[in-house]
N, C-alpha and C. Protein backbone atom coordinates (compact mmCIF):
# COMPACT_ATOMS: atom_id res chain seq x y z
N MET A 1 56.79 66.20 -22.44
CA MET A 1 56.72 65.12 -22.41
C MET A 1 55.97 64.44 -21.42
N SER A 2 56.69 64.56 -20.17
CA SER A 2 55.80 64.10 -19.34
C SER A 2 54.38 63.69 -18.82
N ARG A 3 53.50 65.40 -19.28
CA ARG A 3 52.14 65.47 -19.34
C ARG A 3 51.19 64.37 -20.39
N ALA A 4 52.26 64.10 -21.78
CA ALA A 4 52.00 63.52 -22.38
C ALA A 4 51.72 61.96 -21.85
N ARG A 5 52.82 61.42 -21.32
CA ARG A 5 53.25 60.23 -20.94
C ARG A 5 52.33 60.29 -19.67
N ASP A 6 52.19 60.63 -18.71
CA ASP A 6 51.17 60.94 -17.43
C ASP A 6 49.89 60.19 -18.06
N ALA A 7 49.11 60.96 -19.01
CA ALA A 7 48.02 60.79 -19.51
C ALA A 7 47.85 59.67 -20.09
N THR A 8 49.13 59.49 -20.84
CA THR A 8 48.67 57.96 -21.53
C THR A 8 48.64 56.70 -21.05
N ILE A 9 49.59 57.18 -19.77
CA ILE A 9 49.34 55.51 -18.62
C ILE A 9 48.41 55.41 -18.14
N ALA A 10 47.43 56.76 -17.44
CA ALA A 10 46.30 56.94 -17.23
C ALA A 10 45.65 56.22 -18.18
N VAL A 11 45.11 56.73 -19.16
CA VAL A 11 44.30 56.71 -20.14
C VAL A 11 44.45 54.46 -20.64
N ALA A 12 45.53 54.49 -20.60
CA ALA A 12 45.70 52.94 -21.29
C ALA A 12 45.48 52.13 -20.27
N THR A 13 46.12 52.34 -19.05
CA THR A 13 46.23 51.59 -17.87
C THR A 13 44.28 51.16 -17.61
N GLU A 14 43.32 52.09 -17.66
CA GLU A 14 42.19 51.94 -17.71
C GLU A 14 41.68 51.23 -18.74
N LEU A 15 41.77 51.43 -20.15
CA LEU A 15 41.12 50.81 -21.23
C LEU A 15 41.71 49.44 -21.58
N PHE A 16 42.81 49.37 -21.40
CA PHE A 16 43.29 47.45 -21.44
C PHE A 16 42.90 46.50 -20.29
N ALA A 17 42.66 47.38 -18.89
CA ALA A 17 41.91 46.83 -18.37
C ALA A 17 40.18 46.58 -18.35
N GLU A 18 39.91 47.25 -18.82
CA GLU A 18 38.53 47.30 -19.04
C GLU A 18 38.28 46.46 -20.03
N ARG A 19 38.79 46.42 -21.62
CA ARG A 19 38.87 45.96 -22.95
C ARG A 19 39.50 44.57 -23.30
N GLY A 20 41.12 44.83 -22.51
CA GLY A 20 42.05 43.89 -23.14
C GLY A 20 43.25 44.43 -23.85
N TYR A 21 43.81 43.98 -24.73
CA TYR A 21 44.97 44.53 -25.24
C TYR A 21 44.40 44.33 -26.82
N SER A 22 43.77 43.17 -27.22
CA SER A 22 43.22 43.50 -29.15
C SER A 22 42.07 44.19 -29.17
N ASP A 23 41.58 45.00 -27.93
CA ASP A 23 40.77 45.55 -28.56
C ASP A 23 40.82 47.18 -28.10
N VAL A 24 42.26 47.79 -27.87
CA VAL A 24 42.53 48.84 -27.62
C VAL A 24 43.46 49.34 -29.06
N THR A 25 42.82 50.33 -29.19
CA THR A 25 43.62 50.71 -30.15
C THR A 25 45.00 52.14 -29.54
N ILE A 26 45.97 52.29 -30.29
CA ILE A 26 46.90 53.92 -29.76
C ILE A 26 45.57 54.84 -30.61
N ARG A 27 44.98 54.95 -31.44
CA ARG A 27 43.96 55.58 -31.55
C ARG A 27 43.26 55.82 -30.46
N ASP A 28 42.42 54.92 -29.61
CA ASP A 28 41.68 55.04 -28.60
C ASP A 28 42.38 55.88 -27.51
N ILE A 29 43.25 55.52 -27.47
CA ILE A 29 44.18 55.67 -25.94
C ILE A 29 44.69 57.60 -26.36
N ALA A 30 44.95 58.09 -27.32
CA ALA A 30 45.21 58.52 -28.13
C ALA A 30 44.11 60.04 -27.61
N TYR A 31 42.89 59.78 -28.49
CA TYR A 31 41.52 60.27 -28.42
C TYR A 31 41.07 60.65 -26.80
N LEU A 32 41.37 59.70 -25.74
CA LEU A 32 41.31 60.35 -24.75
C LEU A 32 41.91 60.61 -23.85
N ALA A 33 43.22 60.70 -24.22
CA ALA A 33 44.42 61.55 -23.65
C ALA A 33 44.27 63.06 -24.08
N ASN A 34 43.74 63.03 -25.00
CA ASN A 34 43.86 64.40 -26.35
C ASN A 34 45.41 64.76 -26.54
N LEU A 35 45.73 63.55 -27.25
CA LEU A 35 47.09 63.58 -27.87
C LEU A 35 47.16 62.83 -29.09
N SER A 36 47.93 62.85 -29.77
CA SER A 36 48.13 62.30 -31.71
C SER A 36 48.83 60.74 -30.89
N PRO A 37 48.24 59.88 -31.70
CA PRO A 37 48.83 59.00 -32.05
C PRO A 37 50.49 59.04 -32.19
N ALA A 38 50.56 59.78 -33.06
CA ALA A 38 52.14 59.87 -33.01
C ALA A 38 52.82 60.36 -31.93
N MET A 39 52.34 61.04 -30.84
CA MET A 39 53.12 61.30 -29.62
C MET A 39 52.85 60.25 -28.84
N ILE A 40 52.25 59.52 -28.55
CA ILE A 40 52.00 58.22 -28.04
C ILE A 40 53.39 57.50 -28.31
N ILE A 41 53.16 56.60 -29.48
CA ILE A 41 54.32 56.30 -30.24
C ILE A 41 55.83 56.77 -29.64
N LYS A 42 55.76 57.79 -30.06
CA LYS A 42 56.88 58.83 -29.28
C LYS A 42 57.79 58.22 -28.00
N CYS A 43 56.60 58.00 -27.03
CA CYS A 43 56.63 58.08 -25.67
C CYS A 43 57.29 56.63 -25.54
N PHE A 44 56.10 55.24 -26.38
CA PHE A 44 56.39 54.46 -26.02
C PHE A 44 56.74 53.34 -26.70
N GLY A 45 57.10 53.79 -28.28
CA GLY A 45 57.47 53.15 -29.49
C GLY A 45 56.89 52.29 -30.14
N SER A 46 55.73 51.42 -29.31
CA SER A 46 54.67 50.43 -29.70
C SER A 46 53.63 50.54 -28.68
N LYS A 47 52.31 49.85 -29.03
CA LYS A 47 51.19 49.26 -28.38
C LYS A 47 51.64 48.47 -27.14
N GLU A 48 52.39 47.36 -27.87
CA GLU A 48 52.92 46.33 -26.72
C GLU A 48 53.43 46.96 -25.83
N ASN A 49 54.37 47.92 -25.83
CA ASN A 49 55.61 48.64 -24.89
C ASN A 49 54.57 49.32 -23.64
N LEU A 50 53.68 50.14 -24.70
CA LEU A 50 53.01 50.81 -23.64
C LEU A 50 51.95 49.52 -22.41
N PHE A 51 51.34 48.46 -23.43
CA PHE A 51 50.97 47.62 -22.48
C PHE A 51 51.77 46.71 -21.34
N HIS A 52 52.74 46.69 -21.62
CA HIS A 52 53.69 46.24 -20.84
C HIS A 52 54.07 47.00 -19.36
N GLU A 53 53.83 48.59 -19.79
CA GLU A 53 54.23 49.57 -19.15
C GLU A 53 53.25 49.23 -17.85
N VAL A 54 52.11 49.72 -18.20
CA VAL A 54 50.89 49.76 -17.88
C VAL A 54 50.09 48.38 -17.07
N ALA A 55 50.69 47.55 -17.63
CA ALA A 55 49.98 45.73 -17.39
C ALA A 55 50.82 45.41 -15.94
N THR A 56 50.89 45.95 -15.04
CA THR A 56 51.68 45.80 -14.07
C THR A 56 50.69 45.22 -13.07
N VAL A 57 50.59 44.25 -12.23
CA VAL A 57 50.48 43.61 -11.17
C VAL A 57 50.52 44.34 -9.77
N LYS A 58 49.61 45.02 -9.32
CA LYS A 58 50.10 45.20 -7.76
C LYS A 58 50.09 44.29 -6.76
N PRO A 59 51.21 44.15 -6.00
CA PRO A 59 51.52 43.20 -5.22
C PRO A 59 50.33 43.08 -3.93
N LEU A 60 49.79 41.80 -3.74
CA LEU A 60 48.90 41.36 -2.63
C LEU A 60 49.47 42.18 -1.74
N SER A 61 48.42 43.28 -1.26
CA SER A 61 48.68 44.05 0.02
C SER A 61 48.50 42.83 1.73
N LEU A 62 49.65 42.56 2.23
CA LEU A 62 49.29 41.97 3.66
C LEU A 62 49.23 42.47 4.14
N PRO A 63 47.99 42.67 5.41
CA PRO A 63 48.12 43.55 6.28
C PRO A 63 48.51 43.13 7.36
N ASP A 64 49.04 44.29 8.47
CA ASP A 64 49.97 44.01 9.25
C ASP A 64 49.04 43.34 10.83
N VAL A 65 48.87 42.62 10.40
CA VAL A 65 47.33 41.39 11.52
C VAL A 65 47.97 40.78 11.76
N PRO A 66 47.66 39.98 12.88
CA PRO A 66 47.65 38.34 13.53
C PRO A 66 47.46 36.90 12.27
N ASP A 67 48.30 36.26 12.19
CA ASP A 67 47.56 35.86 10.97
C ASP A 67 46.30 34.85 11.35
N SER A 68 45.86 34.55 12.32
CA SER A 68 44.66 34.52 12.87
C SER A 68 43.67 34.90 12.24
N GLU A 69 43.95 36.50 11.73
CA GLU A 69 42.95 37.36 11.61
C GLU A 69 43.30 38.02 10.29
N LEU A 70 43.97 37.22 9.35
CA LEU A 70 44.21 37.90 8.09
C LEU A 70 43.17 37.44 6.91
N GLY A 71 42.32 36.35 7.21
CA GLY A 71 41.39 35.91 6.21
C GLY A 71 41.00 36.46 6.34
N GLU A 72 39.73 37.02 7.59
CA GLU A 72 38.53 38.37 7.20
C GLU A 72 39.18 39.87 6.97
N ARG A 73 40.79 39.85 6.92
CA ARG A 73 41.03 41.24 6.54
C ARG A 73 41.36 41.42 5.05
N LEU A 74 41.94 40.20 4.30
CA LEU A 74 41.86 40.15 2.90
C LEU A 74 40.63 40.25 2.46
N VAL A 75 39.66 39.70 3.16
CA VAL A 75 37.97 39.62 2.44
C VAL A 75 37.65 41.08 2.34
N ARG A 76 37.89 41.96 3.36
CA ARG A 76 37.16 42.64 3.82
C ARG A 76 38.22 43.79 3.27
N ASP A 77 39.31 43.91 2.95
CA ASP A 77 40.40 44.83 2.17
C ASP A 77 39.27 44.54 0.88
N LEU A 78 39.42 43.39 0.34
CA LEU A 78 38.25 43.34 -1.13
C LEU A 78 37.21 43.95 -1.32
N PHE A 79 36.10 43.74 -0.02
CA PHE A 79 34.64 44.78 -0.58
C PHE A 79 35.39 46.26 -0.08
N ASP A 80 36.55 46.53 0.53
CA ASP A 80 36.12 47.81 0.61
C ASP A 80 36.73 48.59 -0.91
N ARG A 81 36.85 48.09 -1.66
CA ARG A 81 37.99 48.41 -3.14
C ARG A 81 36.66 48.48 -3.77
N PHE A 82 36.16 47.48 -3.57
CA PHE A 82 34.47 47.42 -4.37
C PHE A 82 33.60 48.20 -3.87
N GLN A 83 33.56 48.95 -3.06
CA GLN A 83 32.41 49.89 -2.44
C GLN A 83 33.19 51.02 -2.83
N ALA A 84 34.30 51.11 -2.99
CA ALA A 84 34.72 52.53 -3.14
C ALA A 84 35.12 52.43 -4.82
N ASN A 85 34.67 51.88 -5.22
CA ASN A 85 34.83 51.52 -6.86
C ASN A 85 36.35 51.56 -7.27
N ALA A 86 37.22 51.29 -6.35
CA ALA A 86 38.47 51.49 -6.42
C ALA A 86 38.89 50.06 -7.94
N ILE A 87 40.04 50.73 -8.42
CA ILE A 87 40.39 49.42 -8.93
C ILE A 87 40.69 47.85 -8.22
N GLU A 88 40.52 47.02 -8.67
CA GLU A 88 40.35 46.13 -8.30
C GLU A 88 40.98 44.91 -8.85
N PRO A 89 42.86 44.76 -8.23
CA PRO A 89 43.85 44.33 -8.49
C PRO A 89 43.87 43.02 -9.10
N MET A 90 43.38 42.06 -8.11
CA MET A 90 42.88 40.78 -8.52
C MET A 90 42.07 40.51 -9.69
N ALA A 91 41.19 41.30 -10.18
CA ALA A 91 40.10 41.06 -11.38
C ALA A 91 41.05 42.02 -12.74
N ARG A 92 41.97 42.76 -12.59
CA ARG A 92 42.24 43.21 -13.57
C ARG A 92 43.35 42.32 -13.95
N ALA A 93 44.23 41.54 -12.96
CA ALA A 93 45.30 40.88 -13.30
C ALA A 93 44.41 39.77 -13.96
N PHE A 94 43.36 39.15 -13.97
CA PHE A 94 42.60 38.31 -14.52
C PHE A 94 42.25 38.92 -16.39
N VAL A 95 41.63 39.97 -16.19
CA VAL A 95 41.86 40.45 -17.67
C VAL A 95 42.92 40.69 -18.71
N LEU A 96 43.80 41.04 -17.79
CA LEU A 96 45.12 41.36 -18.60
C LEU A 96 45.68 39.78 -18.87
N ARG A 97 46.10 38.62 -18.20
CA ARG A 97 46.43 37.82 -18.37
C ARG A 97 45.32 37.01 -19.19
N LEU A 98 44.69 37.00 -19.66
CA LEU A 98 43.44 36.83 -20.73
C LEU A 98 43.87 37.62 -22.31
N THR A 99 44.35 38.95 -22.06
CA THR A 99 44.50 39.45 -23.38
C THR A 99 45.78 40.21 -23.78
N ALA A 100 46.81 39.76 -23.03
CA ALA A 100 48.40 40.07 -23.13
C ALA A 100 48.49 39.95 -24.75
N PRO A 101 49.93 40.25 -25.03
CA PRO A 101 50.33 40.20 -26.06
C PRO A 101 51.49 38.78 -25.96
N ASP A 102 51.93 38.59 -24.19
CA ASP A 102 52.76 37.63 -23.84
C ASP A 102 51.86 37.79 -22.26
N PRO A 103 50.90 36.76 -22.29
CA PRO A 103 50.64 36.06 -21.22
C PRO A 103 51.10 35.25 -19.99
N ASP A 104 52.57 34.76 -20.44
CA ASP A 104 53.61 34.83 -19.53
C ASP A 104 53.80 35.53 -18.66
N SER A 105 54.16 37.09 -18.98
CA SER A 105 54.67 37.68 -18.43
C SER A 105 53.81 38.23 -16.98
N VAL A 106 52.71 38.20 -17.73
CA VAL A 106 51.72 38.78 -16.60
C VAL A 106 51.21 37.65 -15.32
N ARG A 107 51.37 36.40 -15.77
CA ARG A 107 51.65 35.50 -15.36
C ARG A 107 52.58 35.27 -14.33
N LYS A 108 53.51 35.72 -14.89
CA LYS A 108 55.05 35.58 -13.84
C LYS A 108 54.93 36.89 -12.33
N ASN A 109 54.51 38.15 -12.94
CA ASN A 109 54.16 39.09 -11.93
C ASN A 109 52.95 39.02 -11.15
N PHE A 110 52.01 38.43 -11.59
CA PHE A 110 51.27 37.68 -10.57
C PHE A 110 51.31 37.10 -9.86
N THR A 111 52.32 35.75 -10.23
CA THR A 111 52.95 35.08 -9.32
C THR A 111 53.61 35.48 -8.30
N GLU A 112 54.52 36.37 -8.68
CA GLU A 112 55.73 37.42 -7.59
C GLU A 112 54.62 38.05 -6.93
N GLY A 113 53.66 38.80 -7.19
CA GLY A 113 53.13 39.68 -6.48
C GLY A 113 52.14 38.94 -5.45
N TYR A 114 51.26 37.71 -5.86
CA TYR A 114 50.39 37.70 -5.24
C TYR A 114 50.61 35.83 -4.38
N PHE A 115 51.05 35.39 -5.12
CA PHE A 115 51.59 33.61 -4.82
C PHE A 115 52.69 33.85 -3.68
N ASP A 116 53.68 34.32 -4.06
CA ASP A 116 55.11 34.67 -3.36
C ASP A 116 55.08 35.05 -2.29
N PRO A 117 54.49 36.11 -2.38
CA PRO A 117 54.93 36.95 -0.49
C PRO A 117 53.68 35.96 0.61
N LEU A 118 52.73 35.62 -0.44
CA LEU A 118 51.47 35.23 0.93
C LEU A 118 52.22 33.79 1.30
N ALA A 119 52.64 32.54 0.37
CA ALA A 119 53.55 31.67 0.53
C ALA A 119 54.82 31.87 1.54
N GLU A 120 55.21 33.02 1.56
CA GLU A 120 56.32 33.22 2.60
C GLU A 120 56.02 33.49 3.83
N ARG A 121 55.24 34.18 3.86
CA ARG A 121 54.53 34.69 5.31
C ARG A 121 53.92 33.41 6.27
N LEU A 122 53.12 32.74 5.41
CA LEU A 122 52.84 31.14 5.90
C LEU A 122 53.92 30.46 6.16
N GLY A 123 55.01 30.64 6.16
CA GLY A 123 56.19 29.95 6.52
C GLY A 123 57.31 29.45 5.50
N GLY A 124 56.92 29.79 4.03
CA GLY A 124 57.41 28.71 2.72
C GLY A 124 57.29 27.34 2.48
N GLY A 125 57.61 26.53 1.76
CA GLY A 125 57.41 25.53 1.42
C GLY A 125 56.49 25.03 0.65
N ALA A 126 56.43 24.15 0.03
CA ALA A 126 55.37 23.51 -0.67
C ALA A 126 53.66 23.57 -0.17
N ASP A 127 53.58 22.96 1.20
CA ASP A 127 52.17 23.19 1.87
C ASP A 127 51.83 24.82 1.77
N ALA A 128 52.89 25.53 2.31
CA ALA A 128 52.37 27.41 2.18
C ALA A 128 52.19 27.64 0.99
N ARG A 129 52.70 27.21 0.13
CA ARG A 129 52.64 27.34 -1.66
C ARG A 129 51.02 27.41 -1.76
N LEU A 130 50.66 26.02 -1.83
CA LEU A 130 49.52 25.35 -1.94
C LEU A 130 48.45 26.47 -1.48
N ARG A 131 48.70 26.76 0.38
CA ARG A 131 47.56 27.27 0.32
C ARG A 131 47.49 28.50 -0.14
N ALA A 132 48.84 29.12 0.06
CA ALA A 132 48.92 30.39 -0.73
C ALA A 132 47.92 31.16 -1.88
N GLU A 133 48.47 29.50 -3.13
CA GLU A 133 47.46 29.59 -4.19
C GLU A 133 45.67 29.31 -3.96
N LEU A 134 45.28 28.66 -2.95
CA LEU A 134 44.00 28.30 -2.79
C LEU A 134 43.69 29.81 -2.22
N VAL A 135 44.16 30.56 -1.40
CA VAL A 135 43.57 31.67 -1.15
C VAL A 135 43.35 32.94 -1.56
N VAL A 136 44.49 32.96 -3.00
CA VAL A 136 44.51 33.55 -4.17
C VAL A 136 43.45 33.11 -5.01
N SER A 137 43.26 32.07 -4.92
CA SER A 137 42.05 31.60 -5.91
C SER A 137 40.70 32.06 -5.36
N ALA A 138 40.33 31.84 -4.23
CA ALA A 138 39.01 32.27 -3.28
C ALA A 138 39.26 33.93 -3.33
N LEU A 139 40.13 34.47 -3.75
CA LEU A 139 40.15 36.35 -3.49
C LEU A 139 39.76 36.61 -4.92
N VAL A 140 40.43 35.64 -5.78
CA VAL A 140 40.23 35.95 -7.19
C VAL A 140 38.59 35.72 -7.55
N GLY A 141 38.14 34.67 -7.30
CA GLY A 141 36.53 34.52 -7.65
C GLY A 141 35.60 35.40 -6.90
N LEU A 142 35.79 35.71 -5.80
CA LEU A 142 35.39 36.47 -5.28
C LEU A 142 35.33 38.11 -6.03
N ALA A 143 36.25 38.63 -6.10
CA ALA A 143 36.70 39.83 -6.74
C ALA A 143 36.21 39.58 -8.34
N ALA A 144 36.17 38.97 -8.85
CA ALA A 144 35.37 38.73 -10.59
C ALA A 144 34.52 38.74 -9.76
N THR A 145 33.31 38.03 -8.91
CA THR A 145 32.08 37.89 -9.23
C THR A 145 31.31 39.19 -8.92
N LEU A 146 32.13 39.90 -7.72
CA LEU A 146 31.30 41.44 -6.88
C LEU A 146 31.85 42.38 -8.78
N ARG A 147 32.83 42.04 -9.09
CA ARG A 147 32.79 42.86 -10.54
C ARG A 147 32.20 42.71 -11.57
N ILE A 148 31.99 41.74 -12.25
CA ILE A 148 31.51 41.25 -13.61
C ILE A 148 30.09 40.68 -13.29
N PHE A 149 29.46 40.53 -12.01
CA PHE A 149 28.10 39.78 -12.04
C PHE A 149 27.23 40.86 -10.78
N ASP A 150 27.82 41.71 -10.37
CA ASP A 150 27.52 42.62 -9.38
C ASP A 150 26.08 42.03 -8.40
N PRO A 151 26.37 40.86 -7.40
CA PRO A 151 25.29 39.63 -6.99
C PRO A 151 24.74 41.06 -6.12
N ARG A 152 23.29 40.85 -6.37
CA ARG A 152 22.55 41.33 -5.25
C ARG A 152 22.64 41.38 -3.79
N ALA A 153 22.36 39.43 -3.37
CA ALA A 153 22.40 38.87 -2.48
C ALA A 153 24.10 39.08 -1.41
N ILE A 154 24.69 39.29 -2.41
CA ILE A 154 25.80 39.38 -1.30
C ILE A 154 26.34 41.03 -1.12
N SER A 155 25.84 42.00 -2.20
CA SER A 155 25.93 43.00 -1.74
C SER A 155 24.72 43.84 -0.82
N GLU A 156 23.79 43.04 -0.58
CA GLU A 156 22.90 43.55 0.29
C GLU A 156 23.04 42.85 1.81
N ARG A 157 24.26 42.23 1.86
CA ARG A 157 24.56 41.32 2.94
C ARG A 157 26.41 41.16 3.26
N THR A 158 26.90 42.57 3.10
CA THR A 158 28.10 42.36 3.37
C THR A 158 29.04 41.85 4.52
N ASP A 159 28.66 42.85 5.51
CA ASP A 159 29.06 42.01 6.83
C ASP A 159 29.31 40.90 7.09
N GLU A 160 28.16 40.42 6.93
CA GLU A 160 27.67 38.73 6.81
C GLU A 160 28.62 38.11 6.13
N VAL A 161 28.26 38.62 4.91
CA VAL A 161 29.11 37.92 3.83
C VAL A 161 30.94 37.60 4.10
N GLN A 162 31.35 39.06 4.40
CA GLN A 162 32.62 39.41 5.04
C GLN A 162 33.13 38.43 6.07
N HIS A 163 32.10 38.29 6.81
CA HIS A 163 32.86 37.11 8.18
C HIS A 163 32.94 35.74 7.81
N SER A 164 31.63 35.43 6.88
CA SER A 164 31.41 34.02 6.31
C SER A 164 32.83 33.35 5.26
N TYR A 165 33.16 34.66 4.48
CA TYR A 165 33.80 34.03 3.23
C TYR A 165 35.45 34.29 3.82
N GLY A 166 35.20 35.49 4.94
CA GLY A 166 36.50 35.17 5.54
C GLY A 166 37.13 34.11 6.23
N MET A 167 35.83 33.56 7.11
CA MET A 167 36.26 32.18 8.01
C MET A 167 36.49 31.29 7.01
N THR A 168 36.16 31.10 5.49
CA THR A 168 36.36 30.37 4.59
C THR A 168 38.23 30.26 4.43
N VAL A 169 38.43 31.73 3.69
CA VAL A 169 39.65 31.67 3.30
C VAL A 169 40.71 32.18 4.43
N GLN A 170 39.94 32.02 6.32
CA GLN A 170 40.99 31.43 6.99
C GLN A 170 41.24 29.99 6.91
N ARG A 171 40.23 29.31 7.04
CA ARG A 171 40.15 27.75 6.70
C ARG A 171 41.34 27.72 5.75
N LEU A 172 41.45 28.12 4.38
CA LEU A 172 42.49 27.99 3.69
C LEU A 172 44.05 28.49 4.51
N LEU A 173 44.11 29.44 4.54
CA LEU A 173 45.12 29.98 5.07
C LEU A 173 46.03 28.50 6.45
N ASP A 174 44.93 28.47 7.04
CA ASP A 174 45.65 27.53 8.23
C ASP A 174 46.19 26.08 8.01
N GLY A 175 45.38 25.74 6.38
CA GLY A 175 45.16 24.28 6.18
C GLY A 175 44.68 23.40 6.66
C-alpha cells in the first residue's frame, strides 16, 4: 500500500496545484498513478481527505543571512526556484486557497507558514506583522507573475530585477 500511497500523493499534489480541487477527479489521479480509484479511496477515504493531505503549505524558508540582506536573498531564492522549474510554494498556495473545499484551512496553514515566522524574525508585534504581510504579498505577486505570465523583460534581466525587487522587499522588511 506504500507504493500506492506514494504514487497517489505525487500525482495528487501536482494535479491539485495545477487544476484546483474541483477540476480533479479520483479517476484522474488513479489513471496517472496507475492505480484503481478504489485503491485511492482505500488509502485516503475521500477526495477531500486526499486534498488535505497534499495541500500543505511549505513554510517560508528564512535564509541564515543578516537582516540587511534578507530582501534580496528572498527574491533570489524565488528566482532560483523559477529557473529550476521547481514547485513555487507561494504560487501553489494561491491556487490551493482559491480551490480548496475548506479554504480557511489553507489560509491558516499559509499564515502559520509565512506570516508568522517572518513576523517573529522581525521582532514580533503589530508593526512586524504588518511588514511580514507586506513582504509576503510582494513575493506572492512576483511568484504569481513569473509562473502565470512568464514576463519576457523580467526573464531577460533577472540579475537586475533580483537586485531592484530585492531592495523593494528590503524596504518593506525595514519599515
